[in-house]
Each structure stands twice: as structure tokens, then as C-alpha cells.
Protein backbone atom coordinates (compact mmCIF):
# COMPACT_ATOMS: atom_id res chain seq x y z
CA MET A 1 3.07 24.71 18.03
CA ILE A 2 -0.79 23.34 17.30
CA ALA A 3 -0.56 25.14 14.44
CA ILE A 4 2.44 23.28 12.98
CA ASN A 5 0.85 19.86 14.81
CA LEU A 6 -2.52 21.16 12.34
CA TYR A 7 -0.74 21.20 9.34
CA LYS A 8 1.22 18.34 9.95
CA ASN A 9 -1.88 16.28 10.45
CA TYR A 10 -3.36 18.07 6.15
CA LEU A 11 -0.90 16.14 4.64
CA SER A 12 -2.39 13.08 5.76
CA TYR A 13 -5.31 13.99 5.16
CA ILE A 14 -4.67 15.48 1.46
CA LEU A 15 -3.06 11.78 1.16
CA LEU A 16 -5.82 9.59 1.76
CA THR A 17 -8.22 11.61 0.03
CA SER A 18 -6.51 12.47 -3.10
CA VAL A 19 -5.58 8.59 -3.13
CA MET A 20 -9.09 7.74 -2.20
CA ILE A 21 -10.60 9.61 -4.94
CA ASP A 22 -7.98 8.94 -7.24
CA ARG A 23 -8.39 4.83 -6.87
CA TYR A 24 -11.63 4.49 -5.89
CA ILE A 25 -13.87 7.71 -7.72
CA LEU A 26 -12.14 8.71 -10.32
CA ASN A 27 -13.05 6.62 -14.31
CA LEU A 28 -9.81 5.61 -16.14
CA ASP A 29 -11.56 7.28 -19.02
CA TYR A 30 -11.07 10.57 -17.42
CA SER A 31 -8.88 10.79 -14.86
CA GLY A 32 -5.78 11.70 -16.85
CA HIS A 33 -6.34 15.28 -16.77
CA LEU A 34 -7.50 15.46 -12.82
CA ARG A 35 -4.47 12.81 -12.03
CA LEU A 36 -2.16 16.10 -12.86
CA ILE A 37 -3.92 18.55 -10.26
CA TYR A 38 -3.75 15.85 -7.84
CA TYR A 39 -0.18 14.80 -7.93
CA SER A 40 0.42 19.02 -8.30
CA THR A 41 -2.06 18.89 -4.96
CA ILE A 42 0.26 16.16 -3.37
CA SER A 43 3.44 17.79 -4.07
CA LEU A 44 2.43 21.02 -3.25
CA ALA A 45 1.14 19.85 0.16
CA LEU A 46 4.81 18.13 0.86
CA LEU A 47 6.82 20.98 -0.37
CA LEU A 48 5.05 23.59 2.48
CA TYR A 49 5.30 20.59 4.84
CA LEU A 50 9.17 20.52 4.05
CA VAL A 51 9.35 24.44 4.04
CA THR A 52 7.19 24.61 7.53
CA TYR A 53 8.69 21.50 9.47
CA GLY A 54 10.93 19.44 7.50
CA TYR A 55 14.05 17.66 8.39
CA LEU A 56 15.68 14.26 7.63
CA GLU A 57 17.89 12.70 9.89
CA LYS A 58 21.33 11.93 8.39
CA LYS A 59 20.75 8.38 7.64
CA ALA A 60 16.79 8.41 6.39
CA PHE A 61 19.07 11.24 4.54
CA TYR A 62 21.66 9.03 3.00
CA LEU A 63 18.96 6.73 2.22
CA PHE A 64 17.01 8.44 0.27
CA SER A 65 19.22 9.84 -1.63
CA VAL A 66 20.31 6.50 -3.01
CA LEU A 67 17.03 5.47 -3.52
CA ILE A 68 16.96 9.20 -5.90
CA SER A 69 19.33 8.34 -7.31
CA LEU A 70 19.29 5.56 -8.35
CA ALA A 71 15.69 5.75 -9.72
CA LEU A 72 17.36 9.07 -12.00
CA LEU A 73 19.25 5.99 -13.57
CA SER A 74 16.52 3.88 -13.65
CA ASN A 75 14.69 3.14 -17.53
CA ILE A 76 11.21 3.89 -15.96
CA GLY A 77 12.68 7.23 -14.00
CA LEU A 78 9.34 8.96 -13.79
CA LYS A 79 7.85 6.22 -12.44
CA ALA A 80 10.68 5.38 -9.98
CA LEU A 81 11.12 8.82 -8.87
CA ILE A 82 7.16 9.32 -8.09
CA THR A 83 7.69 5.74 -6.02
CA SER A 84 10.34 7.05 -4.44
CA PHE A 85 8.18 10.47 -3.81
CA PHE A 86 4.76 8.53 -2.59
CA LEU A 87 7.50 6.89 0.02
CA ILE A 88 9.10 10.15 1.14
CA ILE A 89 5.25 11.51 1.89
CA MET A 90 4.85 7.75 4.26
CA TYR A 91 8.03 8.30 5.89
CA PHE A 92 7.40 12.14 7.23
CA ILE A 93 3.85 11.55 7.79
CA SER A 94 4.71 7.99 9.99
CA ARG A 95 6.93 10.22 12.23
CA GLU A 96 3.89 11.57 13.38
CA LYS A 97 0.77 10.49 15.10
CA LEU A 98 -1.63 9.75 12.95
CA LYS A 99 -5.32 11.87 14.01
CA ILE A 100 -7.74 11.28 10.83
CA ASN A 101 -11.43 11.93 11.82
CA TYR A 102 -13.58 8.74 12.46
CA PHE A 103 -16.01 9.97 10.98
CA PHE A 104 -14.07 11.64 8.29
CA TYR A 105 -12.70 8.06 7.15
CA ALA A 106 -16.15 6.41 7.07
CA PHE A 107 -17.46 9.07 4.63
CA LEU A 108 -14.63 7.93 2.38
CA ALA A 109 -14.98 5.07 2.94
CA PHE A 110 -18.85 4.53 2.46
CA ILE A 111 -18.16 7.14 -0.97
CA SER A 112 -15.85 4.62 -1.91
CA ILE A 113 -17.52 1.72 -1.94
CA PHE A 114 -20.84 3.32 -3.10
CA ILE A 115 -18.87 4.40 -6.26
CA THR A 116 -17.03 0.46 -6.79
CA PHE A 117 -20.62 -0.99 -6.81
CA VAL A 118 -22.43 1.80 -9.57
CA TYR A 119 -18.88 1.30 -11.50
CA LEU A 120 -19.40 -2.22 -11.58
CA GLU A 121 -19.58 -4.03 -15.05
CA PRO A 122 -19.25 -8.01 -16.40
CA TYR A 123 -15.56 -8.30 -17.66
CA PRO A 124 -15.14 -9.21 -21.02
CA ALA A 125 -13.00 -11.53 -21.49
CA SER A 126 -15.37 -13.57 -18.59
CA PRO A 127 -18.91 -12.02 -18.24
CA ASP A 128 -19.30 -14.10 -14.73
CA ARG A 129 -16.67 -11.89 -13.17
CA TYR A 130 -17.03 -8.14 -12.28
CA ILE A 131 -14.81 -4.75 -13.14
CA THR A 132 -15.02 -1.47 -11.77
CA ASN A 133 -13.25 1.39 -12.81
CA ILE A 134 -10.28 -0.96 -12.80
CA PRO A 135 -10.00 -3.28 -15.85
CA ASP A 136 -9.53 -6.77 -14.54
CA PRO A 137 -10.72 -8.10 -11.76
CA ASN A 138 -7.87 -9.05 -9.98
CA PHE A 139 -7.11 -5.85 -8.94
CA THR A 140 -10.82 -5.00 -8.36
CA GLY A 141 -10.66 -6.99 -5.93
CA LEU A 142 -7.73 -5.69 -4.14
CA THR A 143 -9.87 -2.28 -3.75
CA VAL A 144 -12.62 -4.45 -2.31
CA LEU A 145 -10.46 -5.92 0.16
CA LEU A 146 -8.25 -3.03 1.37
CA LEU A 147 -12.48 -1.53 1.76
CA PHE A 148 -12.81 -4.39 3.57
CA PHE A 149 -10.26 -3.45 6.02
CA MET A 150 -11.06 0.28 6.15
CA PHE A 151 -14.26 -0.84 7.38
CA GLU A 152 -12.70 -4.01 9.51
CA LYS A 153 -10.86 -1.36 11.63
CA LEU A 154 -14.26 1.42 11.56
CA LYS A 155 -15.74 -1.87 13.11
CA LEU A 156 -18.35 -1.06 10.71
CA TYR A 157 -18.89 -5.16 10.56
CA MET A 158 -22.57 -4.67 9.24
CA ILE A 159 -20.97 -3.11 5.87
CA SER A 160 -17.74 -5.13 6.41
CA ILE A 161 -19.15 -8.65 6.41
CA PRO A 162 -21.45 -8.06 3.01
CA ILE A 163 -18.44 -6.42 1.56
CA VAL A 164 -16.89 -9.95 1.67
CA LEU A 165 -19.43 -11.47 -0.01
CA LEU A 166 -20.19 -9.80 -2.17
CA GLY A 167 -16.67 -9.52 -3.25
CA VAL A 168 -16.58 -13.42 -3.54
CA ILE A 169 -18.84 -13.01 -5.81
CA TYR A 170 -18.47 -10.45 -7.77
CA THR A 171 -14.59 -10.98 -8.66
CA ASP A 172 -14.89 -14.75 -8.68
CA SER A 173 -11.08 -13.93 -7.33
CA ARG A 174 -9.36 -17.11 -5.27
CA ASN A 175 -6.36 -14.73 -4.13
CA PHE A 176 -9.39 -12.46 -2.57
CA LEU A 177 -10.88 -15.72 -0.85
CA LEU A 178 -7.29 -16.55 -0.37
CA ALA A 179 -6.91 -13.48 1.79
CA ILE A 180 -10.17 -13.25 3.27
CA ILE A 181 -9.52 -17.12 4.82
CA VAL A 182 -6.42 -15.77 5.95
CA TYR A 183 -7.70 -12.49 7.59
CA TYR A 184 -10.17 -14.67 9.77
CA LEU A 185 -7.63 -16.94 10.28
CA ILE A 186 -4.68 -15.19 12.01
CA LYS A 187 -7.84 -13.13 13.93
CA LEU A 188 -8.70 -16.22 15.47
CA ILE A 189 -5.00 -17.98 16.17
CA LYS A 190 -3.15 -14.69 17.11
CA ASN A 191 -3.84 -14.99 20.98
CA PHE A 192 -2.02 -18.82 21.03
CA ARG A 193 0.77 -18.49 22.50
CA VAL A 194 2.88 -19.97 20.03
CA ILE A 195 1.14 -18.07 17.24
CA ASN A 196 1.36 -15.18 19.26
CA PHE A 197 5.32 -15.51 20.48
CA LEU A 198 6.23 -16.06 16.36
CA LEU A 199 3.91 -13.01 14.85
CA ASN A 200 5.77 -10.81 17.91
CA LYS A 201 9.36 -11.94 16.77
CA LEU A 202 8.12 -10.74 13.05
CA ASN A 203 8.32 -7.43 11.60
CA PHE A 204 8.64 -5.85 7.88
CA GLN A 205 12.23 -6.43 6.62
CA LYS A 206 11.48 -10.50 8.01
CA LEU A 207 7.99 -10.70 6.55
CA PHE A 208 9.19 -9.66 3.10
CA LEU A 209 11.90 -11.99 3.42
CA ILE A 210 10.37 -15.05 4.39
CA PHE A 211 6.93 -13.94 1.02
CA PHE A 212 9.84 -13.84 -1.16
CA LEU A 213 11.19 -17.46 -0.55
CA ILE A 214 7.42 -18.75 -0.34
CA SER A 215 7.04 -17.11 -3.66
CA VAL A 216 9.77 -18.92 -5.38
CA ILE A 217 8.85 -22.09 -3.47
CA VAL A 218 5.47 -21.88 -4.86
CA SER A 219 6.43 -20.97 -8.14
CA LEU A 220 8.25 -24.61 -7.93
CA VAL A 221 6.07 -26.96 -6.44
CA PHE A 222 3.62 -25.76 -8.21
CA ILE A 223 5.18 -25.69 -11.71
CA TRP A 224 6.75 -29.36 -10.96
CA GLN A 225 2.91 -30.56 -10.39
CA TYR A 226 1.54 -29.27 -12.97
CA ARG A 227 0.12 -32.20 -14.88
CA GLU A 228 -1.61 -33.31 -10.98
CA GLY A 229 -3.59 -30.39 -11.13
CA LEU A 230 -6.82 -30.62 -9.48
CA ASN A 231 -10.11 -30.33 -11.18
CA VAL A 232 -12.10 -27.81 -9.26
CA GLU A 233 -11.87 -25.06 -11.74
CA PHE A 234 -12.39 -22.63 -8.23
CA PHE A 235 -9.66 -23.90 -6.50
CA ASN A 236 -7.31 -25.06 -9.19
CA LEU A 237 -3.72 -23.72 -8.35
CA THR A 238 -2.23 -25.15 -11.59
CA ASP A 239 -4.61 -25.00 -14.38
CA SER A 240 -2.41 -23.19 -17.38
CA SER A 241 -3.13 -19.43 -16.42
CA ASN A 242 -1.62 -20.31 -13.66
CA LYS A 243 1.31 -22.23 -14.68
CA HIS A 244 1.95 -19.02 -17.17
CA ARG A 245 2.33 -17.01 -13.79
CA PHE A 246 4.73 -19.06 -12.19
CA MET A 247 6.96 -19.58 -14.63
CA ALA A 248 7.09 -15.86 -14.95
CA ASN A 249 8.28 -15.71 -11.88
CA ILE A 250 11.15 -18.24 -12.10
CA PHE A 251 11.97 -15.92 -15.71
CA VAL A 252 12.65 -13.13 -13.47
CA LEU A 253 14.44 -14.55 -10.43
CA ASN A 254 17.05 -16.06 -13.81
CA GLU A 255 17.02 -12.46 -14.77
CA ILE A 256 18.01 -11.59 -12.07
CA PHE A 257 21.47 -13.62 -11.90
CA ILE A 258 22.00 -13.30 -15.72
CA ASN A 259 20.77 -10.17 -16.98
CA HIS A 260 23.51 -7.41 -15.52
CA ASN A 261 20.98 -4.53 -17.10
CA LEU A 262 18.91 -5.22 -13.79
CA ILE A 263 21.36 -4.14 -11.21
CA ILE A 264 21.51 -0.94 -11.79
CA SER A 265 17.92 -0.31 -13.57
CA GLY A 266 14.35 -1.97 -14.27
CA GLU A 267 13.22 -2.45 -18.02
CA LYS A 268 11.65 0.13 -20.04
CA ASN A 269 9.30 -1.75 -22.21
CA TYR A 270 8.44 -3.90 -18.96
CA MET A 271 5.51 -5.73 -20.64
CA ASN A 272 7.34 -6.70 -23.82
CA TYR A 273 10.44 -7.97 -21.97
CA MET A 274 8.51 -10.49 -20.02
CA LEU A 275 6.12 -11.71 -23.08
CA SER A 276 9.54 -12.15 -24.68
CA GLY A 277 10.63 -14.37 -21.93
CA THR A 278 7.57 -16.02 -21.11
CA ASN A 279 4.02 -15.74 -21.94
CA ASN A 280 2.57 -13.81 -18.63
CA ILE A 281 3.81 -10.75 -16.52
CA VAL A 282 4.88 -10.89 -13.05
CA HIS A 283 1.75 -11.54 -10.62
CA ASN A 284 3.64 -11.06 -7.52
CA SER A 285 4.72 -7.89 -5.83
CA ILE A 286 7.74 -8.41 -4.41
CA LEU A 287 9.37 -10.10 -7.58
CA GLU A 288 7.38 -7.88 -10.22
CA LEU A 289 9.46 -4.71 -8.10
CA PHE A 290 13.19 -6.70 -9.73
CA PRO A 291 12.64 -6.36 -13.02
CA GLN A 292 10.70 -3.04 -13.23
CA TYR A 293 13.38 -1.11 -11.06
CA GLY A 294 16.33 -2.41 -11.01
CA VAL A 295 17.78 -5.10 -7.61
CA LEU A 296 19.43 -1.94 -6.39
CA TYR A 297 16.51 0.46 -6.72
CA THR A 298 14.46 -2.63 -5.01
CA ILE A 299 16.19 -3.50 -2.61
CA ILE A 300 16.14 -0.51 -1.09
CA TYR A 301 12.85 0.42 -1.49
CA ILE A 302 12.21 -2.61 0.24
CA PHE A 303 14.41 -1.82 3.18
CA ILE A 304 12.74 1.98 3.63
CA LEU A 305 9.17 1.04 3.23
CA SER A 306 9.72 -1.54 5.48
CA LEU A 307 11.60 1.16 8.23
CA VAL A 308 8.41 3.01 7.74
CA LEU A 309 5.79 0.18 8.33
CA ASN A 310 7.50 -1.40 11.35
CA LYS A 311 6.06 1.59 13.92
CA PHE A 312 2.56 -0.08 12.88
CA TYR A 313 3.69 -3.72 13.40
CA LEU A 314 1.16 -4.18 16.05
CA TYR A 315 -0.59 -6.78 17.39
CA GLU A 316 -3.98 -5.02 16.24
CA ASN A 317 -2.81 -5.74 12.81
CA TYR A 318 -1.96 -8.88 12.66
CA GLU A 319 -4.12 -9.93 10.61
CA TYR A 320 -4.18 -7.32 7.81
CA ILE A 321 -0.44 -7.57 7.54
CA VAL A 322 -0.73 -11.24 6.96
CA SER A 323 -3.56 -11.50 4.33
CA TYR A 324 -2.20 -8.72 2.38
CA PHE A 325 0.86 -9.75 2.20
CA VAL A 326 -0.62 -13.75 1.13
CA PHE A 327 -2.95 -11.07 -1.60
CA ALA A 328 0.60 -9.58 -2.42
CA THR A 329 2.31 -13.07 -3.01
CA PHE A 330 -0.40 -13.42 -6.52
CA LEU A 331 -0.66 -10.17 -7.09
CA MET A 332 1.54 -7.22 -9.05
CA ALA A 333 1.31 -3.73 -7.55
CA CYS A 334 0.42 -4.21 -4.34
CA PHE A 335 3.62 -2.65 -2.13
CA THR A 336 4.05 0.54 -4.19
CA ASN A 337 2.12 3.92 -4.55
CA HIS A 338 -1.69 3.97 -4.61
CA PHE A 339 -2.56 0.25 -3.11
CA MET A 340 1.18 0.57 -0.69
CA ILE A 341 -0.57 4.22 0.30
CA LEU A 342 -4.08 2.55 0.87
CA PHE A 343 -3.02 -0.13 3.04
CA PHE A 344 -0.77 1.92 5.36
CA PHE A 345 -3.80 4.02 6.04
CA VAL A 346 -5.43 0.49 7.40
CA LEU A 347 -2.30 -0.24 9.44
CA ALA A 348 -1.96 3.37 10.60
CA MET A 349 -5.56 3.59 11.42
CA LYS A 350 -5.86 2.83 15.44
CA ASN A 351 -9.20 0.19 15.85
CA VAL A 352 -11.41 3.53 16.65
CA LYS A 353 -14.74 3.62 18.85
CA PHE A 354 -17.72 5.69 17.24
CA LYS A 355 -16.75 8.38 20.00
CA TYR A 356 -13.49 9.29 18.26
CA LYS A 357 -11.51 11.68 20.48
CA ASN A 358 -12.07 9.13 24.00
CA THR A 359 -9.81 6.42 21.48
CA LYS A 360 -6.61 6.22 23.42
CA GLU A 361 -3.58 7.06 22.44
CA LYS A 362 -1.26 3.85 21.11
CA TYR A 363 0.71 4.97 18.93
CA GLU A 364 3.46 7.06 20.56
């Protein structure tokens, strides 16, 4: 039994280490072959886990069977299978007590933040903004936000606070700043009785629905008042760039109802599909799933993901969850694959002390 528990813990170590290396340390110019090794390693770890200890409850078996079937029917079958694969791993890990050594987590976080700033270089399209190994300042903001979350969970505030300042300065991302403001706001007010009551009534299914509706409302409102936008550049939410992004959101909403091909399968040439209908792609992590994966796959994927994450919908995670959803409202790819896994580990990690072994267990 001790050996089995140790191995189940190794599955978490392998996934966390692989994803952090892939997302923070590898340069995209030469990561192709290494990424093959990365996927092979995780696949082998999952296979050994399934052979040794794996089982699926009947409900989970049916849900994953439908999800994988829809992935095979999708026009982006391989991508959908990889997304399903990562969700299955998160499901198995979430069933157990997640025990990752504090110092190991801190070591990965320190290496990642160091490499992140080593990679920093001016963004060619806007030299006053910076990028890392991801050639987009908005995604650089997302990687920095997740590192900030990690150091907050590690209680290394001497690192997390400078990360906020550097993130705002280097990425020049309104979305990053908004997420940080929401993070500290929720952290400040979540003890208020009314706020705590409202947050306690939510779960991830409700959050996905709420932020889906918020995405629709925000898109409609800002398109409507586009001509009366503010003249302050950093806070100008109604500039032409955001106008095209919000129009892309509305385009996808319209396509969900009139494009019957999206019911079962997503669009194979997603970029061309979006650019042919609007001047931008969807900058929203919920809405983008529908044209890429199809409506049915998206609904089932979000439902299973919510079930997996609900275990970690806890008081100590409220500020992380709400601020991440706010960030995801204005950027794509936050709820799939690497970024979702990193967020999963942020939520799963306890608010630890330096003496990790003495930390009280909270996730039963």
C-alpha cells in the first residue's frame, strides 16, 4: 500500500515537472523533439498508474468515453485527444491526497521565474512590451500570473510582490493588472459575511456559466459604446483592438446557433475560419472552445473539468479562482492543457508553511 501511494504521488511529480519545464524552461525554437519526450514520459506514467491502480467509477467511465468519442469525431482529433488526455490525468490525481514537497515546488518555481526573466526580450510589434519563450505579451502575462499564484501559495511574498510589479511593467497587459486587482480585492473582502456567503454558494459549474454570460454581456456593451471609448491608452477597453476581439466573441456566439457543423466537430482551420468571419480570433477561454472542439465536446469537457476542480473550490482558493476566471475572460487557452494543469496544481496546493510536514491536511 505504501508503494502504491508513493507511485500515485510520483504521477503528480511527473506531470507538474513536465508541464513547468515545457511551459517555462524550453525555448519554442527547439522544444519540438523534447516535447515528444515530454508527452511520452507522461503517457508512460499514466499507463503504469492505470495498470497498477487505475479504475474509473461508472459515471466517470461513461463521461470520458463520450468525450473521447467526440474527440475522435472532431476535425482536430489529435488536439482534442491531447486535451482529453490531460483531463483524465487531472481526474486521477484529484482523487488522491496531493502531496508535493514544499521545497520541490519552490525549487521549480524559482527556476521558472529565473528562466522567465532570462528569456525576456522586446515584443517586435510593440518594443515597450516584453515577451518570454511565448511570442505574445498577453501569454507572457498569463505565465507570470501563474508564477505569482505559486509564490503566493508558497507564502514567499518577498518574491510574489516584485513579480506583480515586474509583470505590470514588462507585459504592459491590462488583463494582467485587472486580474491582480481582482485577486487582492477578493482576498480583502472574502471575510465579509455577504461576500463569503455568495462565494460559498458557487462552484465551478456555476462559475463557468456566470463568466460565459459575463463574456456575452461585456462584448455587447463594449461594441455598443465603442465610439465613446476612453482616451487613456492603458485603460481604454474600447480601443480598436478590443473592438475586434469583442466582435469575434459575438461572431462565435452567432455561429454556435447557425453553423450546424460546430455541434459535433470544431473547425479544422480555426485561424482561417475566424479571420474569414471577423478580423480577430476569440480572446476568451470559454468561447474559444466551441469553434475549436465543437459544442458537444465543449459542454462535456467543461462539465468534467468542473467536477475535477470542485474538490478545490475552497475558501483559501477564492481569490485565485475568481482572478483567473477574470483573466480567462479576455484571453484564450486558459482552460486547456498546460495552463489549466498549472492552475490545477495552484488550487491543489495547500497554503503551506516552511515546515511542510507539519502542515495540517485539508484535502480529504
